[in-house]
Amino acid sequence: MSQNNTKIINWDSIFSFSNTFQNNSPCKWAFIEEFFDREFYEKLYNTFPKENVMERVSAVDKDSLRTLWGNDSDGSFPTDSHDSRFSDSWNEFHHYLFNDEFINNMQKFSGVSVNKLKHFSMKLSRKGDYQSPHIHNSGPSTVIFMIYFTKNWNDGEPGGTYITPEEDESKRIFEPYNLDNTAIVFQDGPHAGHGVRPLLEGTERHAIQIYLEGYSAETGWSSKPVVRELREL
């Protein structure tokens, strides 16, 4: 529990998807509904960062708005720090990501030896924003979360991060149909393909991305170095 005893994560819901995650194919993955405690989620939803704190990340394979936490930068070590740009609820949640309870419960849920936060970012996507299908396959103990904060999403509408066994959008096996307090979670691996179809006119998607990974003070992160890290949209 967080230090002031606020209920943040809906652990009952998350653990109910543990068997699904650990036994799914072509990689370990699950789509979790009611990820946060609903009361706490509404606080995060109502104070999700605006465009004025975001920067556009554009490349041949992706396009979206994004902000990192505090003084963090791509490739830097995430820090447990206060960010005055964001609400008390967002700061409380970010602090909780460094809490042993959060890490230990995510180990139990996933069955993966993650023990540290590797990446945290907030994302705002609009018409035309996308990410091409891709596979990292950079290490044995990385779990990636895309957590959504968008109400009244239409089933079948592009914008959620889909799962595909190949770097081929047409082969996708799942795409989120509800982006209100939900999360797509998957373990990195050779068949953990994923991407985002271009958003339609009039749609706006709010999301955060979290990487948890195995880390050792002696050997560093469990994933092998990559030339260019693809961050999810």
C-alpha atoms as a PDB file:
ATOM      1  CA  MET A   1       0.000   0.000   0.000  1.00  0.00           C
ATOM      2  CA  SER A   2       1.159   3.580  -0.566  1.00  0.00           C
ATOM      3  CA  GLN A   3       2.546   5.480   2.402  1.00  0.00           C
ATOM      4  CA  ASN A   4      -0.723   7.344   3.075  1.00  0.00           C
ATOM      5  CA  ASN A   5      -2.736   4.103   2.655  1.00  0.00           C
ATOM      6  CA  THR A   6      -4.438   5.232  -0.551  1.00  0.00           C
ATOM      7  CA  LYS A   7      -5.577   2.307  -2.645  1.00  0.00           C
ATOM      8  CA  ILE A   8      -3.888   2.833  -6.012  1.00  0.00           C
ATOM      9  CA  ILE A   9      -3.791  -0.429  -7.962  1.00  0.00           C
ATOM     10  CA  ASN A  10      -6.690  -2.884  -8.216  1.00  0.00           C
ATOM     11  CA  TRP A  11      -4.608  -5.924  -7.339  1.00  0.00           C
ATOM     12  CA  ASP A  12      -7.625  -8.261  -7.265  1.00  0.00           C
ATOM     13  CA  SER A  13      -8.285  -7.461 -10.918  1.00  0.00           C
ATOM     14  CA  ILE A  14      -4.641  -7.733 -11.930  1.00  0.00           C
ATOM     15  CA  PHE A  15      -4.109 -11.093 -10.223  1.00  0.00           C
ATOM     16  CA  SER A  16      -7.277 -12.434 -11.873  1.00  0.00           C
ATOM     17  CA  PHE A  17      -5.439 -12.108 -15.220  1.00  0.00           C
ATOM     18  CA  SER A  18      -2.200 -13.737 -13.985  1.00  0.00           C
ATOM     19  CA  ASN A  19      -2.882 -17.205 -15.412  1.00  0.00           C
ATOM     20  CA  THR A  20      -3.972 -15.672 -18.707  1.00  0.00           C
ATOM     21  CA  PHE A  21      -0.748 -13.681 -18.917  1.00  0.00           C
ATOM     22  CA  GLN A  22       1.546 -16.546 -17.996  1.00  0.00           C
ATOM     23  CA  ASN A  23      -0.091 -19.057 -20.360  1.00  0.00           C
ATOM     24  CA  ASN A  24      -0.896 -16.872 -23.367  1.00  0.00           C
ATOM     25  CA  SER A  25       0.834 -17.101 -26.730  1.00  0.00           C
ATOM     26  CA  PRO A  26       2.706 -16.201 -28.907  1.00  0.00           C
ATOM     27  CA  CYS A  27       4.230 -14.379 -25.911  1.00  0.00           C
ATOM     28  CA  LYS A  28       3.124 -13.799 -22.338  1.00  0.00           C
ATOM     29  CA  TRP A  29       0.424 -11.097 -22.561  1.00  0.00           C
ATOM     30  CA  ALA A  30      -2.902 -10.017 -21.100  1.00  0.00           C
ATOM     31  CA  PHE A  31      -5.452  -7.251 -21.464  1.00  0.00           C
ATOM     32  CA  ILE A  32      -6.361  -6.074 -17.958  1.00  0.00           C
ATOM     33  CA  GLU A  33      -9.568  -4.200 -17.170  1.00  0.00           C
ATOM     34  CA  GLU A  34      -9.957  -2.002 -14.070  1.00  0.00           C
ATOM     35  CA  PHE A  35      -6.183  -1.742 -13.622  1.00  0.00           C
ATOM     36  CA  PHE A  36      -6.429   1.029 -11.008  1.00  0.00           C
ATOM     37  CA  ASP A  37      -8.747   1.343  -8.079  1.00  0.00           C
ATOM     38  CA  ARG A  38     -11.627   3.210  -9.744  1.00  0.00           C
ATOM     39  CA  GLU A  39     -11.641   6.156  -7.309  1.00  0.00           C
ATOM     40  CA  PHE A  40      -7.906   6.698  -7.724  1.00  0.00           C
ATOM     41  CA  TYR A  41      -8.161   6.229 -11.496  1.00  0.00           C
ATOM     42  CA  GLU A  42     -10.664   9.093 -11.742  1.00  0.00           C
ATOM     43  CA  LYS A  43      -8.149  11.387 -10.045  1.00  0.00           C
ATOM     44  CA  LEU A  44      -5.493  10.404 -12.598  1.00  0.00           C
ATOM     45  CA  TYR A  45      -7.966  10.659 -15.480  1.00  0.00           C
ATOM     46  CA  ASN A  46      -9.113  14.149 -14.472  1.00  0.00           C
ATOM     47  CA  THR A  47      -5.549  15.459 -14.169  1.00  0.00           C
ATOM     48  CA  PHE A  48      -3.916  13.746 -17.143  1.00  0.00           C
ATOM     49  CA  PRO A  49      -1.222  16.099 -18.521  1.00  0.00           C
ATOM     50  CA  LYS A  50      -2.158  18.559 -21.270  1.00  0.00           C
ATOM     51  CA  GLU A  51      -0.439  19.103 -24.591  1.00  0.00           C
ATOM     52  CA  ASN A  52       1.610  22.017 -23.247  1.00  0.00           C
ATOM     53  CA  VAL A  53       3.909  19.628 -21.332  1.00  0.00           C
ATOM     54  CA  MET A  54       4.267  17.215 -24.246  1.00  0.00           C
ATOM     55  CA  GLU A  55       6.732  17.102 -27.122  1.00  0.00           C
ATOM     56  CA  ARG A  56       6.153  15.462 -30.489  1.00  0.00           C
ATOM     57  CA  VAL A  57       8.173  12.337 -31.184  1.00  0.00           C
ATOM     58  CA  SER A  58       8.254  11.741 -34.941  1.00  0.00           C
ATOM     59  CA  ALA A  59      10.176   9.164 -36.947  1.00  0.00           C
ATOM     60  CA  VAL A  60       9.587   6.939 -39.949  1.00  0.00           C
ATOM     61  CA  ASP A  61       8.047   4.290 -37.670  1.00  0.00           C
ATOM     62  CA  LYS A  62       6.021   6.398 -35.194  1.00  0.00           C
ATOM     63  CA  ASP A  63       4.348   9.713 -34.442  1.00  0.00           C
ATOM     64  CA  SER A  64       2.816  10.923 -31.156  1.00  0.00           C
ATOM     65  CA  LEU A  65       3.096  13.428 -28.296  1.00  0.00           C
ATOM     66  CA  ARG A  66       5.022  12.386 -25.192  1.00  0.00           C
ATOM     67  CA  THR A  67       6.495  13.629 -21.930  1.00  0.00           C
ATOM     68  CA  LEU A  68       8.947  11.998 -19.541  1.00  0.00           C
ATOM     69  CA  TRP A  69       8.999  12.379 -15.752  1.00  0.00           C
ATOM     70  CA  GLY A  70      10.999  15.146 -14.074  1.00  0.00           C
ATOM     71  CA  ASN A  71      14.552  15.308 -15.376  1.00  0.00           C
ATOM     72  CA  ASP A  72      14.469  11.808 -16.884  1.00  0.00           C
ATOM     73  CA  SER A  73      15.670  11.392 -20.457  1.00  0.00           C
ATOM     74  CA  ASP A  74      15.749   8.521 -22.953  1.00  0.00           C
ATOM     75  CA  GLY A  75      18.291   6.029 -21.740  1.00  0.00           C
ATOM     76  CA  SER A  76      18.582   7.570 -18.269  1.00  0.00           C
ATOM     77  CA  PHE A  77      17.937   5.801 -14.982  1.00  0.00           C
ATOM     78  CA  PRO A  78      14.330   6.594 -13.841  1.00  0.00           C
ATOM     79  CA  THR A  79      14.286   8.553 -10.609  1.00  0.00           C
ATOM     80  CA  ASP A  80      11.842   8.550  -7.692  1.00  0.00           C
ATOM     81  CA  SER A  81      11.310  12.306  -7.720  1.00  0.00           C
ATOM     82  CA  HIS A  82       8.522  14.862  -7.377  1.00  0.00           C
ATOM     83  CA  ASP A  83       7.370  16.567 -10.594  1.00  0.00           C
ATOM     84  CA  SER A  84       5.540  19.846  -9.898  1.00  0.00           C
ATOM     85  CA  ARG A  85       3.987  19.843 -13.384  1.00  0.00           C
ATOM     86  CA  PHE A  86       1.664  17.023 -12.348  1.00  0.00           C
ATOM     87  CA  SER A  87      -1.042  16.503  -9.734  1.00  0.00           C
ATOM     88  CA  ASP A  88      -0.569  15.031  -6.276  1.00  0.00           C
ATOM     89  CA  SER A  89      -2.244  11.833  -7.479  1.00  0.00           C
ATOM     90  CA  TRP A  90       0.186  11.431 -10.369  1.00  0.00           C
ATOM     91  CA  ASN A  91       3.122  12.032  -8.044  1.00  0.00           C
ATOM     92  CA  GLU A  92       1.743   9.483  -5.584  1.00  0.00           C
ATOM     93  CA  PHE A  93       1.364   6.876  -8.332  1.00  0.00           C
ATOM     94  CA  HIS A  94       4.835   7.522  -9.753  1.00  0.00           C
ATOM     95  CA  HIS A  95       6.366   7.172  -6.280  1.00  0.00           C
ATOM     96  CA  TYR A  96       4.501   3.871  -5.824  1.00  0.00           C
ATOM     97  CA  LEU A  97       6.279   2.422  -8.877  1.00  0.00           C
ATOM     98  CA  PHE A  98       9.459   2.306  -6.752  1.00  0.00           C
ATOM     99  CA  ASN A  99       7.700   0.608  -3.827  1.00  0.00           C
ATOM    100  CA  ASP A 100       8.558  -3.011  -2.981  1.00  0.00           C
ATOM    101  CA  GLU A 101       4.852  -3.884  -2.870  1.00  0.00           C
ATOM    102  CA  PHE A 102       4.381  -2.812  -6.487  1.00  0.00           C
ATOM    103  CA  ILE A 103       7.477  -4.640  -7.737  1.00  0.00           C
ATOM    104  CA  ASN A 104       6.804  -7.818  -5.751  1.00  0.00           C
ATOM    105  CA  ASN A 105       3.179  -7.999  -6.867  1.00  0.00           C
ATOM    106  CA  MET A 106       4.157  -7.520 -10.514  1.00  0.00           C
ATOM    107  CA  GLN A 107       6.673 -10.360 -10.148  1.00  0.00           C
ATOM    108  CA  LYS A 108       3.887 -12.573  -8.794  1.00  0.00           C
ATOM    109  CA  PHE A 109       1.474 -11.524 -11.529  1.00  0.00           C
ATOM    110  CA  SER A 110       3.891 -12.036 -14.400  1.00  0.00           C
ATOM    111  CA  GLY A 111       6.155 -14.840 -13.232  1.00  0.00           C
ATOM    112  CA  VAL A 112       8.999 -12.751 -14.708  1.00  0.00           C
ATOM    113  CA  SER A 113      12.027 -11.721 -12.632  1.00  0.00           C
ATOM    114  CA  VAL A 114      11.479  -7.966 -12.908  1.00  0.00           C
ATOM    115  CA  ASN A 115      12.744  -5.884  -9.991  1.00  0.00           C
ATOM    116  CA  LYS A 116      13.092  -2.277 -11.174  1.00  0.00           C
ATOM    117  CA  LEU A 117      11.370   0.468 -13.147  1.00  0.00           C
ATOM    118  CA  LYS A 118      13.265   1.075 -16.384  1.00  0.00           C
ATOM    119  CA  HIS A 119      11.011   3.550 -18.202  1.00  0.00           C
ATOM    120  CA  PHE A 120       8.002   5.781 -17.524  1.00  0.00           C
ATOM    121  CA  SER A 121       6.353   8.154 -19.984  1.00  0.00           C
ATOM    122  CA  MET A 122       2.975   9.792 -20.625  1.00  0.00           C
ATOM    123  CA  LYS A 123       1.497   9.925 -24.110  1.00  0.00           C
ATOM    124  CA  LEU A 124      -1.165  11.841 -25.990  1.00  0.00           C
ATOM    125  CA  SER A 125      -2.142  10.584 -29.453  1.00  0.00           C
ATOM    126  CA  ARG A 126      -4.469  12.142 -32.041  1.00  0.00           C
ATOM    127  CA  LYS A 127      -5.558  11.724 -35.650  1.00  0.00           C
ATOM    128  CA  GLY A 128      -2.816  10.070 -37.721  1.00  0.00           C
ATOM    129  CA  ASP A 129      -0.548   9.180 -34.818  1.00  0.00           C
ATOM    130  CA  TYR A 130       0.705   5.592 -35.042  1.00  0.00           C
ATOM    131  CA  GLN A 131       3.494   3.113 -34.431  1.00  0.00           C
ATOM    132  CA  SER A 132       4.626   0.542 -36.968  1.00  0.00           C
ATOM    133  CA  PRO A 133       4.604  -3.119 -35.886  1.00  0.00           C
ATOM    134  CA  HIS A 134       7.925  -4.145 -34.364  1.00  0.00           C
ATOM    135  CA  ILE A 135       9.627  -6.644 -32.063  1.00  0.00           C
ATOM    136  CA  HIS A 136      12.303  -5.748 -29.485  1.00  0.00           C
ATOM    137  CA  ASN A 137      13.485  -9.199 -28.322  1.00  0.00           C
ATOM    138  CA  SER A 138      16.180  -7.483 -26.281  1.00  0.00           C
ATOM    139  CA  GLY A 139      16.196  -9.637 -23.137  1.00  0.00           C
ATOM    140  CA  PRO A 140      14.605 -12.343 -20.974  1.00  0.00           C
ATOM    141  CA  SER A 141      13.015 -10.275 -18.205  1.00  0.00           C
ATOM    142  CA  THR A 142      11.303  -7.165 -19.552  1.00  0.00           C
ATOM    143  CA  VAL A 143       7.569  -6.559 -19.075  1.00  0.00           C
ATOM    144  CA  ILE A 144       5.947  -3.667 -20.938  1.00  0.00           C
ATOM    145  CA  PHE A 145       2.710  -1.958 -19.842  1.00  0.00           C
ATOM    146  CA  MET A 146       0.531   0.387 -21.888  1.00  0.00           C
ATOM    147  CA  ILE A 147      -2.108   1.776 -19.518  1.00  0.00           C
ATOM    148  CA  TYR A 148      -5.037   3.793 -20.907  1.00  0.00           C
ATOM    149  CA  PHE A 149      -6.992   6.814 -19.657  1.00  0.00           C
ATOM    150  CA  THR A 150      -9.593   7.380 -22.396  1.00  0.00           C
ATOM    151  CA  LYS A 151     -13.352   6.999 -21.954  1.00  0.00           C
ATOM    152  CA  ASN A 152     -16.014   6.144 -24.551  1.00  0.00           C
ATOM    153  CA  TRP A 153     -13.628   4.375 -26.919  1.00  0.00           C
ATOM    154  CA  ASN A 154     -15.434   2.587 -29.753  1.00  0.00           C
ATOM    155  CA  ASP A 155     -14.802  -1.145 -30.156  1.00  0.00           C
ATOM    156  CA  GLY A 156     -12.791  -1.703 -33.332  1.00  0.00           C
ATOM    157  CA  GLU A 157     -11.397   1.824 -33.439  1.00  0.00           C
ATOM    158  CA  PRO A 158      -7.616   2.009 -34.025  1.00  0.00           C
ATOM    159  CA  GLY A 159      -5.403   3.450 -31.299  1.00  0.00           C
ATOM    160  CA  GLY A 160      -4.780   0.732 -28.725  1.00  0.00           C
ATOM    161  CA  THR A 161      -1.505  -1.209 -28.825  1.00  0.00           C
ATOM    162  CA  TYR A 162      -2.189  -4.471 -30.655  1.00  0.00           C
ATOM    163  CA  ILE A 163      -0.389  -7.811 -30.261  1.00  0.00           C
ATOM    164  CA  THR A 164       0.991  -9.655 -33.293  1.00  0.00           C
ATOM    165  CA  PRO A 165       3.362 -12.653 -33.565  1.00  0.00           C
ATOM    166  CA  GLU A 166       5.248 -10.960 -36.420  1.00  0.00           C
ATOM    167  CA  GLU A 167       6.188  -7.477 -37.555  1.00  0.00           C
ATOM    168  CA  ASP A 168       2.988  -7.501 -39.596  1.00  0.00           C
ATOM    169  CA  GLU A 169      -0.100  -5.470 -38.661  1.00  0.00           C
ATOM    170  CA  SER A 170      -2.411  -7.761 -40.640  1.00  0.00           C
ATOM    171  CA  LYS A 171      -1.412 -10.687 -38.399  1.00  0.00           C
ATOM    172  CA  ARG A 172      -2.533  -8.976 -35.178  1.00  0.00           C
ATOM    173  CA  ILE A 173      -4.332 -11.295 -32.764  1.00  0.00           C
ATOM    174  CA  PHE A 174      -5.639  -8.703 -30.304  1.00  0.00           C
ATOM    175  CA  GLU A 175      -6.319  -4.967 -30.209  1.00  0.00           C
ATOM    176  CA  PRO A 176      -7.759  -3.193 -27.131  1.00  0.00           C
ATOM    177  CA  TYR A 177     -11.460  -2.406 -27.454  1.00  0.00           C
ATOM    178  CA  ASN A 178     -11.797  -0.411 -24.217  1.00  0.00           C
ATOM    179  CA  LEU A 179      -9.302   2.261 -23.126  1.00  0.00           C
ATOM    180  CA  ASP A 180     -10.989   3.293 -19.860  1.00  0.00           C
ATOM    181  CA  ASN A 181      -8.797   2.123 -16.941  1.00  0.00           C
ATOM    182  CA  THR A 182      -7.334  -0.778 -18.916  1.00  0.00           C
ATOM    183  CA  ALA A 183      -3.843  -2.011 -19.783  1.00  0.00           C
ATOM    184  CA  ILE A 184      -2.185  -4.213 -22.384  1.00  0.00           C
ATOM    185  CA  VAL A 185       0.774  -5.983 -20.747  1.00  0.00           C
ATOM    186  CA  PHE A 186       3.296  -8.236 -22.479  1.00  0.00           C
ATOM    187  CA  GLN A 187       6.715  -9.785 -21.932  1.00  0.00           C
ATOM    188  CA  ASP A 188       9.422  -8.893 -24.405  1.00  0.00           C
ATOM    189  CA  GLY A 189      10.508 -11.780 -26.617  1.00  0.00           C
ATOM    190  CA  PRO A 190      10.971 -13.021 -30.191  1.00  0.00           C
ATOM    191  CA  HIS A 191       7.219 -13.153 -30.883  1.00  0.00           C
ATOM    192  CA  ALA A 192       6.110 -10.110 -28.869  1.00  0.00           C
ATOM    193  CA  GLY A 193       5.174  -8.011 -31.889  1.00  0.00           C
ATOM    194  CA  HIS A 194       3.097  -4.885 -31.280  1.00  0.00           C
ATOM    195  CA  GLY A 195       2.134  -1.566 -32.823  1.00  0.00           C
ATOM    196  CA  VAL A 196      -0.592   1.070 -33.093  1.00  0.00           C
ATOM    197  CA  ARG A 197      -2.819   1.669 -36.109  1.00  0.00           C
ATOM    198  CA  PRO A 198      -3.240   5.355 -37.095  1.00  0.00           C
ATOM    199  CA  LEU A 199      -5.855   7.134 -35.015  1.00  0.00           C
ATOM    200  CA  LEU A 200      -8.970   8.447 -36.722  1.00  0.00           C
ATOM    201  CA  GLU A 201     -10.357  11.979 -37.057  1.00  0.00           C
ATOM    202  CA  GLY A 202     -11.773  13.293 -33.790  1.00  0.00           C
ATOM    203  CA  THR A 203     -10.096  10.714 -31.519  1.00  0.00           C
ATOM    204  CA  GLU A 204      -7.617  11.410 -28.736  1.00  0.00           C
ATOM    205  CA  ARG A 205      -5.911   8.722 -26.685  1.00  0.00           C
ATOM    206  CA  HIS A 206      -4.265   9.241 -23.298  1.00  0.00           C
ATOM    207  CA  ALA A 207      -1.865   6.568 -22.055  1.00  0.00           C
ATOM    208  CA  ILE A 208       1.244   5.871 -20.023  1.00  0.00           C
ATOM    209  CA  GLN A 209       4.036   3.437 -20.771  1.00  0.00           C
ATOM    210  CA  ILE A 210       5.964   1.503 -18.128  1.00  0.00           C
ATOM    211  CA  TYR A 211       8.895  -0.878 -18.514  1.00  0.00           C
ATOM    212  CA  LEU A 212       9.788  -3.198 -15.639  1.00  0.00           C
ATOM    213  CA  GLU A 213      12.968  -5.216 -15.994  1.00  0.00           C
ATOM    214  CA  GLY A 214      15.489  -7.332 -14.136  1.00  0.00           C
ATOM    215  CA  TYR A 215      18.429  -5.286 -12.872  1.00  0.00           C
ATOM    216  CA  SER A 216      21.662  -6.091 -11.029  1.00  0.00           C
ATOM    217  CA  ALA A 217      24.113  -3.590  -9.576  1.00  0.00           C
ATOM    218  CA  GLU A 218      26.919  -5.823 -10.866  1.00  0.00           C
ATOM    219  CA  THR A 219      25.722  -6.511 -14.407  1.00  0.00           C
ATOM    220  CA  GLY A 220      23.117  -3.809 -15.072  1.00  0.00           C
ATOM    221  CA  TRP A 221      19.850  -4.349 -16.959  1.00  0.00           C
ATOM    222  CA  SER A 222      18.981  -7.847 -18.132  1.00  0.00           C
ATOM    223  CA  SER A 223      18.278  -6.718 -21.705  1.00  0.00           C
ATOM    224  CA  LYS A 224      21.105  -6.449 -24.184  1.00  0.00           C
ATOM    225  CA  PRO A 225      22.016  -2.975 -25.491  1.00  0.00           C
ATOM    226  CA  VAL A 226      20.152  -1.878 -28.609  1.00  0.00           C
ATOM    227  CA  VAL A 227      21.227   0.664 -31.188  1.00  0.00           C
ATOM    228  CA  ARG A 228      17.889   2.478 -31.171  1.00  0.00           C
ATOM    229  CA  GLU A 229      15.313   1.818 -28.485  1.00  0.00           C
ATOM    230  CA  LEU A 230      11.738   1.790 -29.794  1.00  0.00           C
ATOM    231  CA  ARG A 231       9.358   3.307 -27.263  1.00  0.00           C
ATOM    232  CA  GLU A 232       5.732   2.378 -27.589  1.00  0.00           C
ATOM    233  CA  LEU A 233       3.004   4.785 -28.576  1.00  0.00           C
END
